[in-house]
Protein backbone atom coordinates (compact mmCIF):
# COMPACT_ATOMS: atom_id res chain seq x y z
CA MET A 1 23.18 -3.52 36.94
CA LYS A 2 20.13 -4.79 38.82
CA ASN A 3 19.16 -1.21 39.66
CA LYS A 4 19.38 -0.21 35.98
CA SER A 5 17.25 -3.18 34.98
CA LEU A 6 14.64 -2.23 37.59
CA VAL A 7 14.59 1.40 36.41
CA LYS A 8 14.13 0.29 32.79
CA PHE A 9 11.36 -2.10 33.80
CA ILE A 10 9.54 0.72 35.64
CA LEU A 11 10.02 3.05 32.66
CA GLY A 12 8.61 0.34 30.42
CA LEU A 13 5.51 0.15 32.59
CA LEU A 14 5.15 3.94 32.62
CA LEU A 15 5.37 4.04 28.81
CA ILE A 16 2.45 1.64 28.28
CA PRO A 17 -0.23 4.41 28.55
CA ALA A 18 1.74 6.48 26.03
CA VAL A 19 1.85 3.52 23.63
CA LEU A 20 -1.91 2.98 23.94
CA ALA A 21 -2.64 6.69 23.53
CA CYS A 22 -0.41 7.08 20.44
CA PHE A 23 -1.88 3.95 18.87
CA HIS A 24 -5.40 5.31 19.41
CA SER A 25 -4.43 8.62 17.77
CA PHE A 26 -2.65 6.80 14.94
CA LEU A 27 -5.79 4.84 14.12
CA ALA A 28 -7.67 8.11 13.71
CA GLN A 29 -5.02 9.41 11.29
CA LEU A 30 -4.97 6.08 9.44
CA GLY A 31 -8.75 6.30 9.10
CA ALA A 32 -8.42 9.75 7.54
CA PHE A 33 -5.75 8.40 5.20
CA THR A 34 -7.86 5.47 3.99
CA MET A 35 -10.96 7.62 3.52
CA ASN A 36 -9.45 10.57 1.67
CA SER A 37 -6.14 9.73 -0.04
CA GLY A 38 -7.43 8.16 -3.27
CA SER A 39 -4.79 6.48 -5.44
CA VAL A 40 -2.08 7.08 -2.83
CA GLN A 41 -3.63 4.59 -0.42
CA TYR A 42 -3.98 1.95 -3.15
CA CYS A 43 -0.32 2.28 -4.10
CA PHE A 44 0.81 2.22 -0.45
CA PHE A 45 -1.28 -0.77 0.58
CA GLY A 46 -0.48 -2.42 -2.75
CA GLY A 47 3.22 -2.20 -1.95
CA PHE A 48 2.60 -3.29 1.64
CA LEU A 49 0.65 -6.41 0.61
CA THR A 50 3.02 -7.20 -2.27
CA TYR A 51 5.92 -7.63 0.13
CA LEU A 52 3.84 -9.83 2.46
CA ALA A 53 2.80 -11.98 -0.50
CA PHE A 54 6.43 -12.23 -1.62
CA GLN A 55 7.59 -13.37 1.83
CA LEU A 56 4.78 -15.91 2.16
CA ALA A 57 5.25 -17.28 -1.37
CA PHE A 58 9.04 -17.32 -1.57
CA PHE A 59 11.38 -16.59 1.35
CA LYS A 60 12.43 -14.09 3.98
CA PRO A 61 15.30 -11.93 2.62
CA ILE A 62 17.26 -12.39 5.82
CA ARG A 63 20.65 -11.29 4.47
CA THR A 64 19.12 -8.02 3.22
CA TYR A 65 17.50 -7.51 6.62
CA VAL A 66 20.71 -8.31 8.51
CA PHE A 67 22.70 -5.88 6.36
CA GLY A 68 20.18 -3.10 7.01
CA HIS A 69 20.03 -4.02 10.70
CA GLU A 70 23.78 -3.75 11.26
CA LEU A 71 24.09 -0.68 9.03
CA THR A 72 21.40 1.06 11.10
CA HIS A 73 23.38 0.35 14.28
CA ALA A 74 26.43 1.84 12.60
CA LEU A 75 24.64 4.95 11.28
CA TRP A 76 23.03 5.74 14.62
CA ALA A 77 26.34 5.21 16.42
CA MET A 78 27.97 7.75 14.07
CA MET A 79 25.09 10.15 14.72
CA PHE A 80 26.03 10.01 18.40
CA GLY A 81 29.73 10.51 17.69
CA GLY A 82 30.78 6.85 17.68
CA ARG A 83 32.93 4.98 15.17
CA VAL A 84 32.58 1.60 13.48
CA LYS A 85 35.48 -0.75 14.24
CA ASP A 86 34.12 -3.87 12.53
CA PHE A 87 31.18 -4.63 10.24
CA THR A 88 30.33 -8.21 9.25
CA VAL A 89 27.25 -9.61 7.50
CA ARG A 90 26.66 -13.30 6.86
CA ALA A 91 23.76 -15.24 5.39
CA ALA A 92 21.71 -15.24 8.60
CA SER A 93 23.69 -13.20 11.11
CA GLY A 94 25.71 -10.05 11.43
CA ARG A 95 28.05 -8.22 13.75
CA VAL A 96 29.04 -4.61 14.20
CA VAL A 97 31.61 -3.36 16.72
CA LEU A 98 31.12 0.24 17.80
CA THR A 99 33.09 2.63 19.98
CA LYS A 100 29.89 4.02 21.47
CA THR A 101 26.47 2.66 22.27
CA ASN A 102 23.27 3.56 24.10
CA PHE A 103 19.69 2.31 24.15
CA LEU A 104 18.76 4.25 21.01
CA ILE A 105 21.69 2.79 19.07
CA ASN A 106 20.79 -0.68 20.36
CA LEU A 107 17.13 -0.38 19.37
CA ALA A 108 17.43 1.75 16.21
CA PRO A 109 17.07 -1.16 13.70
CA TYR A 110 13.74 -2.06 15.30
CA PHE A 111 12.09 1.33 14.85
CA PHE A 112 14.07 3.01 12.05
CA PRO A 113 13.07 1.48 8.68
CA LEU A 114 16.34 2.06 6.83
CA TYR A 115 15.15 0.98 3.39
CA THR A 116 12.03 3.13 3.68
CA PHE A 117 14.27 6.03 4.63
CA LEU A 118 16.36 5.42 1.50
CA VAL A 119 13.20 5.47 -0.65
CA VAL A 120 12.19 8.78 0.96
CA LEU A 121 15.69 10.11 0.29
CA VAL A 122 15.31 9.21 -3.40
CA TYR A 123 11.96 11.02 -3.40
CA PHE A 124 13.52 14.22 -2.08
CA LEU A 125 16.36 13.96 -4.60
CA LEU A 126 13.80 13.66 -7.40
CA LYS A 127 11.89 16.56 -5.91
CA ALA A 128 15.05 18.69 -5.97
CA PHE A 129 15.25 18.12 -9.73
CA ASP A 130 11.48 18.62 -10.27
CA ARG A 131 11.02 14.97 -11.23
CA ALA A 132 9.10 13.76 -8.19
CA ASP A 133 5.58 14.09 -9.60
CA GLN A 134 6.04 11.60 -12.44
CA PHE A 135 7.46 8.97 -10.07
CA PHE A 136 5.29 9.80 -7.05
CA LEU A 137 3.02 6.74 -7.09
CA TYR A 138 6.01 4.44 -7.66
CA ILE A 139 7.65 6.01 -4.63
CA ILE A 140 4.49 5.42 -2.59
CA PHE A 141 4.43 1.77 -3.67
CA ALA A 142 8.10 1.42 -2.68
CA ILE A 143 7.41 3.04 0.71
CA GLY A 144 4.62 0.52 1.36
CA PHE A 145 6.82 -2.36 0.20
CA THR A 146 9.83 -1.42 2.34
CA PHE A 147 7.79 -0.54 5.43
CA SER A 148 6.05 -3.91 5.19
CA PHE A 149 9.52 -5.50 4.95
CA HIS A 150 10.53 -3.62 8.09
CA LEU A 151 7.48 -4.67 10.13
CA ALA A 152 7.38 -8.29 8.94
CA LEU A 153 11.04 -8.94 9.72
CA LEU A 154 10.78 -6.95 12.95
CA ILE A 155 8.21 -9.51 14.13
CA TYR A 156 10.49 -12.32 12.93
CA ALA A 157 13.45 -10.80 14.81
CA PHE A 158 11.38 -10.61 18.00
CA SER A 159 10.65 -14.34 17.71
CA LEU A 160 14.41 -15.06 17.73
CA GLY A 161 15.04 -13.27 21.04
CA GLN A 162 17.49 -10.60 19.89
CA SER A 163 20.45 -9.79 22.15
CA ASP A 164 19.88 -6.04 21.65
CA ILE A 165 16.48 -6.36 23.29
CA LYS A 166 17.69 -8.55 26.13
CA LYS A 167 20.54 -6.13 26.82
CA THR A 168 18.29 -3.06 26.85
CA GLY A 169 15.48 -4.73 28.82
CA ARG A 170 12.55 -6.58 27.29
CA LEU A 171 9.63 -4.47 28.53
CA PHE A 172 11.46 -1.16 28.10
CA SER A 173 12.58 -2.19 24.59
CA LEU A 174 9.16 -3.44 23.56
CA THR A 175 7.30 -0.30 24.64
CA LEU A 176 9.85 2.02 23.05
CA ILE A 177 9.94 0.05 19.80
CA ILE A 178 6.14 0.03 19.48
CA LEU A 179 5.90 3.72 20.40
CA PHE A 180 8.58 4.80 17.91
CA ASN A 181 7.13 2.63 15.13
CA ILE A 182 3.74 4.27 15.63
CA ILE A 183 5.37 7.71 15.37
CA VAL A 184 7.36 6.68 12.29
CA ALA A 185 4.21 5.28 10.64
CA THR A 186 2.40 8.56 11.31
CA LEU A 187 5.28 10.55 9.79
CA ILE A 188 5.17 8.30 6.71
CA LEU A 189 1.47 9.00 6.31
CA LYS A 190 2.19 12.72 6.67
CA LEU A 191 4.85 12.53 3.96
CA MET A 192 2.48 10.82 1.54
CA VAL A 193 -0.58 13.02 2.13
CA PRO A 194 0.51 16.14 4.06
CA GLU A 195 -2.83 17.84 3.47
CA ILE A 196 -4.75 15.04 5.24
CA ILE A 197 -2.54 13.96 8.15
CA ASP A 198 -2.55 16.40 11.06
CA LEU A 199 0.53 15.95 13.26
CA ARG A 200 -0.65 18.57 15.75
CA LEU A 201 -3.96 16.74 16.19
CA PHE A 202 -2.04 13.46 16.54
CA LEU A 203 0.11 14.95 19.32
CA GLN A 204 -2.77 16.66 21.10
CA SER A 205 -4.94 13.54 20.94
CA SER A 206 -2.08 11.36 22.19
CA LEU A 207 -1.39 13.63 25.15
CA ALA A 208 -5.09 13.93 26.03
CA THR A 209 -5.67 10.17 25.84
CA CYS A 210 -2.49 9.44 27.79
CA GLY A 211 -3.61 11.90 30.48
CA ALA A 212 -7.04 10.26 30.63
CA ILE A 213 -5.46 6.83 31.06
CA TRP A 214 -3.19 8.09 33.84
CA LEU A 215 -6.15 9.78 35.56
CA TRP A 216 -8.12 6.53 35.40
CA LEU A 217 -5.17 4.57 36.82
CA TRP A 218 -4.77 7.11 39.62
CA GLN A 219 -8.47 6.91 40.52
CA MET A 220 -8.33 3.12 40.48
CA THR A 221 -5.27 3.21 42.74
CA ILE A 222 -7.04 5.48 45.24
CA GLU A 223 -10.16 3.30 45.22
CA PHE A 224 -8.06 0.18 45.73
CA LYS A 225 -6.13 1.82 48.58
CA ASP A 226 -9.37 2.93 50.28
CA LEU A 227 -10.79 -0.55 49.91
CA ILE A 228 -7.70 -2.14 51.47
CA PHE A 229 -7.65 0.28 54.41
CA LYS A 230 -11.38 -0.24 54.93
CA ASP A 231 -10.92 -4.01 55.06
CA VAL A 232 -8.00 -3.65 57.48
CA HIS A 233 -10.07 -1.40 59.71
CA LEU A 234 -12.99 -3.86 59.79
CA TRP A 235 -10.56 -6.73 60.50
CA LYS A 236 -9.16 -4.86 63.51
CA ILE A 237 -12.67 -4.24 64.84
């Protein structure tokens, strides 16, 4: 168990450059979105800010979050061939018993915005019946609203010290959750304005920036090593 925890901690450290690189590339795509998407950005950010205002003015819809949280565990377990043996949701807590688990199943509720996914599913159903255009801006508003719900209550869940995160490893969980949320946010932008968001550029920029960070770390390591050996040599003299 200690060996697994150490491996996950090391993997968490190794993922930090990837997180920084993807975030840098995401900001570039977000900049393109805000500069060129017209009414789409207003509807998205309108929905995003509307949820935040709702939570600040009224309450956190914890039961809704808990239901989505546990359902996401269940859905991802079934994706991996597992079964749900028990599913319980209370006012401020929930419980799901699964026949199979792994780190993705454990962390899925923290990076997979279930309610946003359901809104996207509705959009594709409308698109199949050629009704998507007339509801498009409402769908965008709902995407912003539900994604804001996901992020706001994700931060709240972190403050509670979730058992899923402790079990998977704090640093490993944190880096994966941030990384996957950045990727999900980029995919959402692509869905809303496919002609503006460039996924290939996002990937290429992320890889290039990650490589640059690793190169800088490697050079710093070599310089530090040379400095240490130089000091040891002078001490011996």
